Amino acid sequence: MPRVIIRSRRARIATIAAWIAVAVIVGAVAWRDTTTAALAAAGWMGALGWAITMMWWLPELELNQDAVVVRNAWRTHLIDWRQITRLSGRWGVELILSDNSSVQASAAPRVGGIAAGARQIAENRAKEAQRIIHHGVDPRLVEPGSATQYTSLDAANAIELLRAYQAQLHEEKKHSGLKTNPPKPPYSHQWRKGTIIGTLVVALALVIAIAL
């Protein structure tokens, strides 16, 4: 099975645009004002840019044949496929695990307003009740292979991909005759060190900007 990485293309473009705006604003302040004012602007605008980066650039959702890896701004979750009992799209992609805990994936945001969210909930419940799995996804993302595939999906399409990927894994194991190992613990998670270090650096810069 291919390794599939889901990222929001729109969010990444918006992040790049935000950093360009930050550079333009800081440059304008440096051109028209004092160095102290420029440093203060860099601290404030850098903090804003970093916040946007955390929300829009860092999140990823990875699918591989062993697990689902959810990378949010602060934490990375490693989830065994066999522990996923249900998928929800109320506020985005939400993985419900066998111990009734849940993990939210920020990489595939839900589109539309409250009405769209309500429709998605109803559709998910209907599919779970009827055990219907739709395979209306890009075949390259679920066909056997070792290449890494990158894609940008909203919550509804990401859930469809998760269902199709999980079904394909089940079929491959059934036809290969491999024995099913006991499920691993529901999931493991760890803090993202890069996010913590980046936040500390930005916080220091913000303190300096306030002091100037």
C-alpha atoms as a PDB file:
ATOM      1  CA  MET A   1       0.000   0.000   0.000  1.00  0.00           C
ATOM      2  CA  PRO A   2       1.254   3.503  -0.745  1.00  0.00           C
ATOM      3  CA  ARG A   3       2.150   5.930   1.973  1.00  0.00           C
ATOM      4  CA  VAL A   4      -0.410   8.732   1.689  1.00  0.00           C
ATOM      5  CA  ILE A   5       0.089  12.157   3.255  1.00  0.00           C
ATOM      6  CA  ILE A   6      -2.866  14.533   3.439  1.00  0.00           C
ATOM      7  CA  ARG A   7      -2.169  18.251   3.738  1.00  0.00           C
ATOM      8  CA  SER A   8      -4.429  21.226   3.143  1.00  0.00           C
ATOM      9  CA  ARG A   9      -3.171  22.947  -0.002  1.00  0.00           C
ATOM     10  CA  ARG A  10      -5.263  26.053   0.624  1.00  0.00           C
ATOM     11  CA  ALA A  11      -3.984  26.359   4.178  1.00  0.00           C
ATOM     12  CA  ARG A  12      -0.383  26.085   3.015  1.00  0.00           C
ATOM     13  CA  ILE A  13      -0.847  28.723   0.326  1.00  0.00           C
ATOM     14  CA  ALA A  14      -2.496  30.984   2.904  1.00  0.00           C
ATOM     15  CA  THR A  15       0.453  30.444   5.265  1.00  0.00           C
ATOM     16  CA  ILE A  16       2.943  31.462   2.580  1.00  0.00           C
ATOM     17  CA  ALA A  17       0.827  34.536   1.809  1.00  0.00           C
ATOM     18  CA  ALA A  18       0.731  35.404   5.512  1.00  0.00           C
ATOM     19  CA  TRP A  19       4.517  35.261   5.833  1.00  0.00           C
ATOM     20  CA  ILE A  20       4.900  37.416   2.727  1.00  0.00           C
ATOM     21  CA  ALA A  21       2.570  39.949   4.347  1.00  0.00           C
ATOM     22  CA  VAL A  22       4.635  39.767   7.553  1.00  0.00           C
ATOM     23  CA  ALA A  23       7.835  40.462   5.606  1.00  0.00           C
ATOM     24  CA  VAL A  24       6.240  43.384   3.740  1.00  0.00           C
ATOM     25  CA  ILE A  25       4.905  44.981   6.935  1.00  0.00           C
ATOM     26  CA  VAL A  26       8.171  44.606   8.834  1.00  0.00           C
ATOM     27  CA  GLY A  27      10.092  45.899   5.822  1.00  0.00           C
ATOM     28  CA  ALA A  28       7.803  48.935   5.560  1.00  0.00           C
ATOM     29  CA  VAL A  29       8.276  49.723   9.248  1.00  0.00           C
ATOM     30  CA  ALA A  30      12.052  49.350   8.926  1.00  0.00           C
ATOM     31  CA  TRP A  31      12.051  51.669   5.893  1.00  0.00           C
ATOM     32  CA  ARG A  32       9.923  54.409   7.393  1.00  0.00           C
ATOM     33  CA  ASP A  33      10.696  54.187  11.120  1.00  0.00           C
ATOM     34  CA  THR A  34      13.488  53.432  13.566  1.00  0.00           C
ATOM     35  CA  THR A  35      15.331  50.168  14.050  1.00  0.00           C
ATOM     36  CA  THR A  36      13.670  49.749  17.447  1.00  0.00           C
ATOM     37  CA  ALA A  37      10.229  50.055  15.865  1.00  0.00           C
ATOM     38  CA  ALA A  38      11.215  47.531  13.185  1.00  0.00           C
ATOM     39  CA  LEU A  39      12.371  45.011  15.791  1.00  0.00           C
ATOM     40  CA  ALA A  40       9.157  45.461  17.750  1.00  0.00           C
ATOM     41  CA  ALA A  41       7.109  44.949  14.583  1.00  0.00           C
ATOM     42  CA  ALA A  42       9.152  41.853  13.737  1.00  0.00           C
ATOM     43  CA  GLY A  43       8.394  40.381  17.173  1.00  0.00           C
ATOM     44  CA  TRP A  44       4.637  40.999  16.966  1.00  0.00           C
ATOM     45  CA  MET A  45       4.244  40.006  13.334  1.00  0.00           C
ATOM     46  CA  GLY A  46       6.515  36.992  13.771  1.00  0.00           C
ATOM     47  CA  ALA A  47       4.275  35.755  16.579  1.00  0.00           C
ATOM     48  CA  LEU A  48       1.237  36.127  14.321  1.00  0.00           C
ATOM     49  CA  GLY A  49       2.997  34.311  11.479  1.00  0.00           C
ATOM     50  CA  TRP A  50       4.036  31.468  13.760  1.00  0.00           C
ATOM     51  CA  ALA A  51       0.483  31.067  15.074  1.00  0.00           C
ATOM     52  CA  ILE A  52      -0.778  30.790  11.492  1.00  0.00           C
ATOM     53  CA  THR A  53       1.978  28.291  10.698  1.00  0.00           C
ATOM     54  CA  MET A  54       0.946  26.104  13.627  1.00  0.00           C
ATOM     55  CA  MET A  55      -2.710  26.117  12.601  1.00  0.00           C
ATOM     56  CA  TRP A  56      -2.353  25.832   8.830  1.00  0.00           C
ATOM     57  CA  TRP A  57       1.093  24.485   7.857  1.00  0.00           C
ATOM     58  CA  LEU A  58       2.078  21.896  10.438  1.00  0.00           C
ATOM     59  CA  PRO A  59      -0.976  19.556  10.456  1.00  0.00           C
ATOM     60  CA  GLU A  60      -0.642  16.344   8.421  1.00  0.00           C
ATOM     61  CA  LEU A  61      -2.564  13.093   8.213  1.00  0.00           C
ATOM     62  CA  GLU A  62      -0.514  10.095   7.111  1.00  0.00           C
ATOM     63  CA  LEU A  63      -1.874   6.698   6.056  1.00  0.00           C
ATOM     64  CA  ASN A  64       0.401   3.688   5.763  1.00  0.00           C
ATOM     65  CA  GLN A  65      -0.168  -0.037   5.932  1.00  0.00           C
ATOM     66  CA  ASP A  66       0.714  -0.213   9.630  1.00  0.00           C
ATOM     67  CA  ALA A  67      -0.993   2.794  11.146  1.00  0.00           C
ATOM     68  CA  VAL A  68      -2.579   6.209  10.804  1.00  0.00           C
ATOM     69  CA  VAL A  69      -0.289   9.040  11.880  1.00  0.00           C
ATOM     70  CA  VAL A  70      -2.041  12.250  12.927  1.00  0.00           C
ATOM     71  CA  ARG A  71       0.273  15.238  13.152  1.00  0.00           C
ATOM     72  CA  ASN A  72      -1.420  18.250  14.692  1.00  0.00           C
ATOM     73  CA  ALA A  73       0.233  21.467  15.792  1.00  0.00           C
ATOM     74  CA  TRP A  74       1.307  20.231  19.213  1.00  0.00           C
ATOM     75  CA  ARG A  75       1.185  16.439  19.117  1.00  0.00           C
ATOM     76  CA  THR A  76       1.776  13.444  16.871  1.00  0.00           C
ATOM     77  CA  HIS A  77      -0.573  10.466  17.315  1.00  0.00           C
ATOM     78  CA  LEU A  78       0.282   6.958  16.072  1.00  0.00           C
ATOM     79  CA  ILE A  79      -2.898   4.871  15.733  1.00  0.00           C
ATOM     80  CA  ASP A  80      -3.111   1.187  14.824  1.00  0.00           C
ATOM     81  CA  TRP A  81      -5.686   0.594  12.075  1.00  0.00           C
ATOM     82  CA  ARG A  82      -7.408  -2.138  14.084  1.00  0.00           C
ATOM     83  CA  GLN A  83      -8.155   0.286  16.885  1.00  0.00           C
ATOM     84  CA  ILE A  84     -10.223   2.603  14.683  1.00  0.00           C
ATOM     85  CA  THR A  85     -13.890   1.718  15.182  1.00  0.00           C
ATOM     86  CA  ARG A  86     -15.593   4.733  13.652  1.00  0.00           C
ATOM     87  CA  LEU A  87     -14.929   7.931  11.719  1.00  0.00           C
ATOM     88  CA  SER A  88     -16.713  11.229  12.254  1.00  0.00           C
ATOM     89  CA  GLY A  89     -16.707  14.457  10.261  1.00  0.00           C
ATOM     90  CA  ARG A  90     -18.514  16.792  12.621  1.00  0.00           C
ATOM     91  CA  TRP A  91     -15.743  19.383  12.937  1.00  0.00           C
ATOM     92  CA  GLY A  92     -13.151  17.730  10.724  1.00  0.00           C
ATOM     93  CA  VAL A  93     -11.712  14.230  10.629  1.00  0.00           C
ATOM     94  CA  GLU A  94     -12.260  12.549  13.988  1.00  0.00           C
ATOM     95  CA  LEU A  95     -11.069   8.999  14.633  1.00  0.00           C
ATOM     96  CA  ILE A  96     -13.049   7.114  17.285  1.00  0.00           C
ATOM     97  CA  LEU A  97     -10.977   4.369  18.907  1.00  0.00           C
ATOM     98  CA  SER A  98     -11.844   1.080  20.548  1.00  0.00           C
ATOM     99  CA  ASP A  99     -11.495   2.541  24.050  1.00  0.00           C
ATOM    100  CA  ASN A 100     -14.048   5.265  23.127  1.00  0.00           C
ATOM    101  CA  SER A 101     -11.365   7.942  23.018  1.00  0.00           C
ATOM    102  CA  SER A 102     -11.038  10.104  19.919  1.00  0.00           C
ATOM    103  CA  VAL A 103      -8.308  11.870  17.974  1.00  0.00           C
ATOM    104  CA  GLN A 104      -9.001  14.962  15.873  1.00  0.00           C
ATOM    105  CA  ALA A 105      -7.008  15.478  12.679  1.00  0.00           C
ATOM    106  CA  SER A 106      -6.527  19.114  11.714  1.00  0.00           C
ATOM    107  CA  ALA A 107      -5.000  18.390   8.301  1.00  0.00           C
ATOM    108  CA  ALA A 108      -8.363  17.870   6.552  1.00  0.00           C
ATOM    109  CA  PRO A 109     -10.735  20.672   7.592  1.00  0.00           C
ATOM    110  CA  ARG A 110     -14.496  20.484   7.189  1.00  0.00           C
ATOM    111  CA  VAL A 111     -15.943  22.808   4.580  1.00  0.00           C
ATOM    112  CA  GLY A 112     -19.318  24.528   4.819  1.00  0.00           C
ATOM    113  CA  GLY A 113     -21.310  25.794   7.756  1.00  0.00           C
ATOM    114  CA  ILE A 114     -23.420  24.148  10.432  1.00  0.00           C
ATOM    115  CA  ALA A 115     -25.794  22.661   7.863  1.00  0.00           C
ATOM    116  CA  ALA A 116     -22.891  20.973   6.055  1.00  0.00           C
ATOM    117  CA  GLY A 117     -21.671  19.546   9.343  1.00  0.00           C
ATOM    118  CA  ALA A 118     -25.120  18.170  10.159  1.00  0.00           C
ATOM    119  CA  ARG A 119     -25.370  16.528   6.732  1.00  0.00           C
ATOM    120  CA  GLN A 120     -21.945  14.958   7.165  1.00  0.00           C
ATOM    121  CA  ILE A 121     -22.895  13.521  10.553  1.00  0.00           C
ATOM    122  CA  ALA A 122     -26.076  12.007   9.110  1.00  0.00           C
ATOM    123  CA  GLU A 123     -24.186  10.512   6.156  1.00  0.00           C
ATOM    124  CA  ASN A 124     -21.531   9.007   8.423  1.00  0.00           C
ATOM    125  CA  ARG A 125     -24.135   7.403  10.652  1.00  0.00           C
ATOM    126  CA  ALA A 126     -25.960   5.963   7.647  1.00  0.00           C
ATOM    127  CA  LYS A 127     -22.771   4.500   6.230  1.00  0.00           C
ATOM    128  CA  GLU A 128     -21.792   3.001   9.564  1.00  0.00           C
ATOM    129  CA  ALA A 129     -25.247   1.495  10.027  1.00  0.00           C
ATOM    130  CA  GLN A 130     -25.298  -0.021   6.525  1.00  0.00           C
ATOM    131  CA  ARG A 131     -21.549  -0.727   6.509  1.00  0.00           C
ATOM    132  CA  ILE A 132     -21.208   0.975   3.143  1.00  0.00           C
ATOM    133  CA  ILE A 133     -17.723   1.868   1.995  1.00  0.00           C
ATOM    134  CA  HIS A 134     -17.366   4.168  -0.991  1.00  0.00           C
ATOM    135  CA  HIS A 135     -14.289   3.940  -3.144  1.00  0.00           C
ATOM    136  CA  GLY A 136     -14.764   7.209  -5.018  1.00  0.00           C
ATOM    137  CA  VAL A 137     -11.176   8.242  -4.358  1.00  0.00           C
ATOM    138  CA  ASP A 138      -8.088   8.593  -6.514  1.00  0.00           C
ATOM    139  CA  PRO A 139      -7.016   4.973  -7.299  1.00  0.00           C
ATOM    140  CA  ARG A 140      -3.358   5.886  -6.843  1.00  0.00           C
ATOM    141  CA  LEU A 141      -4.045   6.438  -3.135  1.00  0.00           C
ATOM    142  CA  VAL A 142      -5.327   2.903  -2.468  1.00  0.00           C
ATOM    143  CA  GLU A 143      -3.721   0.698  -5.103  1.00  0.00           C
ATOM    144  CA  PRO A 144      -0.781  -1.498  -4.057  1.00  0.00           C
ATOM    145  CA  GLY A 145       2.520   0.308  -4.293  1.00  0.00           C
ATOM    146  CA  SER A 146       5.364   1.753  -2.260  1.00  0.00           C
ATOM    147  CA  ALA A 147       5.457   5.321  -3.563  1.00  0.00           C
ATOM    148  CA  THR A 148       4.557   8.217  -1.293  1.00  0.00           C
ATOM    149  CA  GLN A 149       1.466  10.109  -2.457  1.00  0.00           C
ATOM    150  CA  TYR A 150       0.593  13.652  -1.383  1.00  0.00           C
ATOM    151  CA  THR A 151      -2.951  14.971  -1.578  1.00  0.00           C
ATOM    152  CA  SER A 152      -5.169  17.764  -0.279  1.00  0.00           C
ATOM    153  CA  LEU A 153      -8.640  16.741   0.903  1.00  0.00           C
ATOM    154  CA  ASP A 154     -11.445  18.167   2.979  1.00  0.00           C
ATOM    155  CA  ALA A 155     -12.839  16.207   5.914  1.00  0.00           C
ATOM    156  CA  ALA A 156     -15.541  14.367   3.961  1.00  0.00           C
ATOM    157  CA  ASN A 157     -13.160  13.156   1.235  1.00  0.00           C
ATOM    158  CA  ALA A 158     -10.450  12.291   3.771  1.00  0.00           C
ATOM    159  CA  ILE A 159     -12.943  10.078   5.618  1.00  0.00           C
ATOM    160  CA  GLU A 160     -13.831   8.346   2.331  1.00  0.00           C
ATOM    161  CA  LEU A 161     -10.134   7.741   1.703  1.00  0.00           C
ATOM    162  CA  LEU A 162      -9.627   6.354   5.205  1.00  0.00           C
ATOM    163  CA  ARG A 163     -12.505   3.908   4.689  1.00  0.00           C
ATOM    164  CA  ALA A 164     -11.254   2.825   1.270  1.00  0.00           C
ATOM    165  CA  TYR A 165      -7.663   2.448   2.487  1.00  0.00           C
ATOM    166  CA  GLN A 166      -8.741   0.402   5.499  1.00  0.00           C
ATOM    167  CA  ALA A 167     -10.923  -1.845   3.315  1.00  0.00           C
ATOM    168  CA  GLN A 168      -8.059  -2.395   0.869  1.00  0.00           C
ATOM    169  CA  LEU A 169      -5.727  -3.341   3.719  1.00  0.00           C
ATOM    170  CA  HIS A 170      -8.293  -5.848   4.963  1.00  0.00           C
ATOM    171  CA  GLU A 171      -8.622  -7.398   1.496  1.00  0.00           C
ATOM    172  CA  GLU A 172      -4.869  -7.662   1.007  1.00  0.00           C
ATOM    173  CA  LYS A 173      -4.377  -9.400   4.351  1.00  0.00           C
ATOM    174  CA  LYS A 174      -7.284 -11.757   3.683  1.00  0.00           C
ATOM    175  CA  HIS A 175      -5.954 -12.805   0.264  1.00  0.00           C
ATOM    176  CA  SER A 176      -2.358 -13.084   1.442  1.00  0.00           C
ATOM    177  CA  GLY A 177      -3.329 -15.438   4.258  1.00  0.00           C
ATOM    178  CA  LEU A 178      -1.361 -13.485   6.826  1.00  0.00           C
ATOM    179  CA  LYS A 179      -2.325 -14.056  10.417  1.00  0.00           C
ATOM    180  CA  THR A 180      -3.714 -11.079  12.252  1.00  0.00           C
ATOM    181  CA  ASN A 181      -1.533 -10.023  15.156  1.00  0.00           C
ATOM    182  CA  PRO A 182      -3.120  -8.865  18.405  1.00  0.00           C
ATOM    183  CA  PRO A 183      -4.036  -5.175  18.241  1.00  0.00           C
ATOM    184  CA  LYS A 184      -1.534  -2.743  19.648  1.00  0.00           C
ATOM    185  CA  PRO A 185      -2.497  -0.261  22.370  1.00  0.00           C
ATOM    186  CA  PRO A 186      -5.149   2.235  21.134  1.00  0.00           C
ATOM    187  CA  TYR A 187      -2.580   4.831  20.240  1.00  0.00           C
ATOM    188  CA  SER A 188       0.630   6.473  21.292  1.00  0.00           C
ATOM    189  CA  HIS A 189       1.306  10.167  21.149  1.00  0.00           C
ATOM    190  CA  GLN A 190       4.177  12.520  21.729  1.00  0.00           C
ATOM    191  CA  TRP A 191       4.764  16.252  21.783  1.00  0.00           C
ATOM    192  CA  ARG A 192       6.222  17.813  18.654  1.00  0.00           C
ATOM    193  CA  LYS A 193       9.598  19.153  19.746  1.00  0.00           C
ATOM    194  CA  GLY A 194       9.888  21.500  16.778  1.00  0.00           C
ATOM    195  CA  THR A 195       6.637  23.206  17.721  1.00  0.00           C
ATOM    196  CA  ILE A 196       7.727  23.630  21.327  1.00  0.00           C
ATOM    197  CA  ILE A 197      11.133  25.041  20.368  1.00  0.00           C
ATOM    198  CA  GLY A 198       9.584  27.364  17.776  1.00  0.00           C
ATOM    199  CA  THR A 199       7.001  28.617  20.268  1.00  0.00           C
ATOM    200  CA  LEU A 200       9.675  29.329  22.870  1.00  0.00           C
ATOM    201  CA  VAL A 201      11.732  31.287  20.342  1.00  0.00           C
ATOM    202  CA  VAL A 202       8.682  33.286  19.249  1.00  0.00           C
ATOM    203  CA  ALA A 203       7.694  33.908  22.873  1.00  0.00           C
ATOM    204  CA  LEU A 204      11.193  35.261  23.581  1.00  0.00           C
ATOM    205  CA  ALA A 205      10.983  37.512  20.523  1.00  0.00           C
ATOM    206  CA  LEU A 206       7.572  38.744  21.660  1.00  0.00           C
ATOM    207  CA  VAL A 207       8.881  39.575  25.131  1.00  0.00           C
ATOM    208  CA  ILE A 208      11.697  41.572  23.556  1.00  0.00           C
ATOM    209  CA  ALA A 209       9.203  43.356  21.285  1.00  0.00           C
ATOM    210  CA  ILE A 210       7.059  44.327  24.301  1.00  0.00           C
ATOM    211  CA  ALA A 211      10.123  45.592  26.157  1.00  0.00           C
ATOM    212  CA  LEU A 212      11.243  47.813  23.267  1.00  0.00           C
END
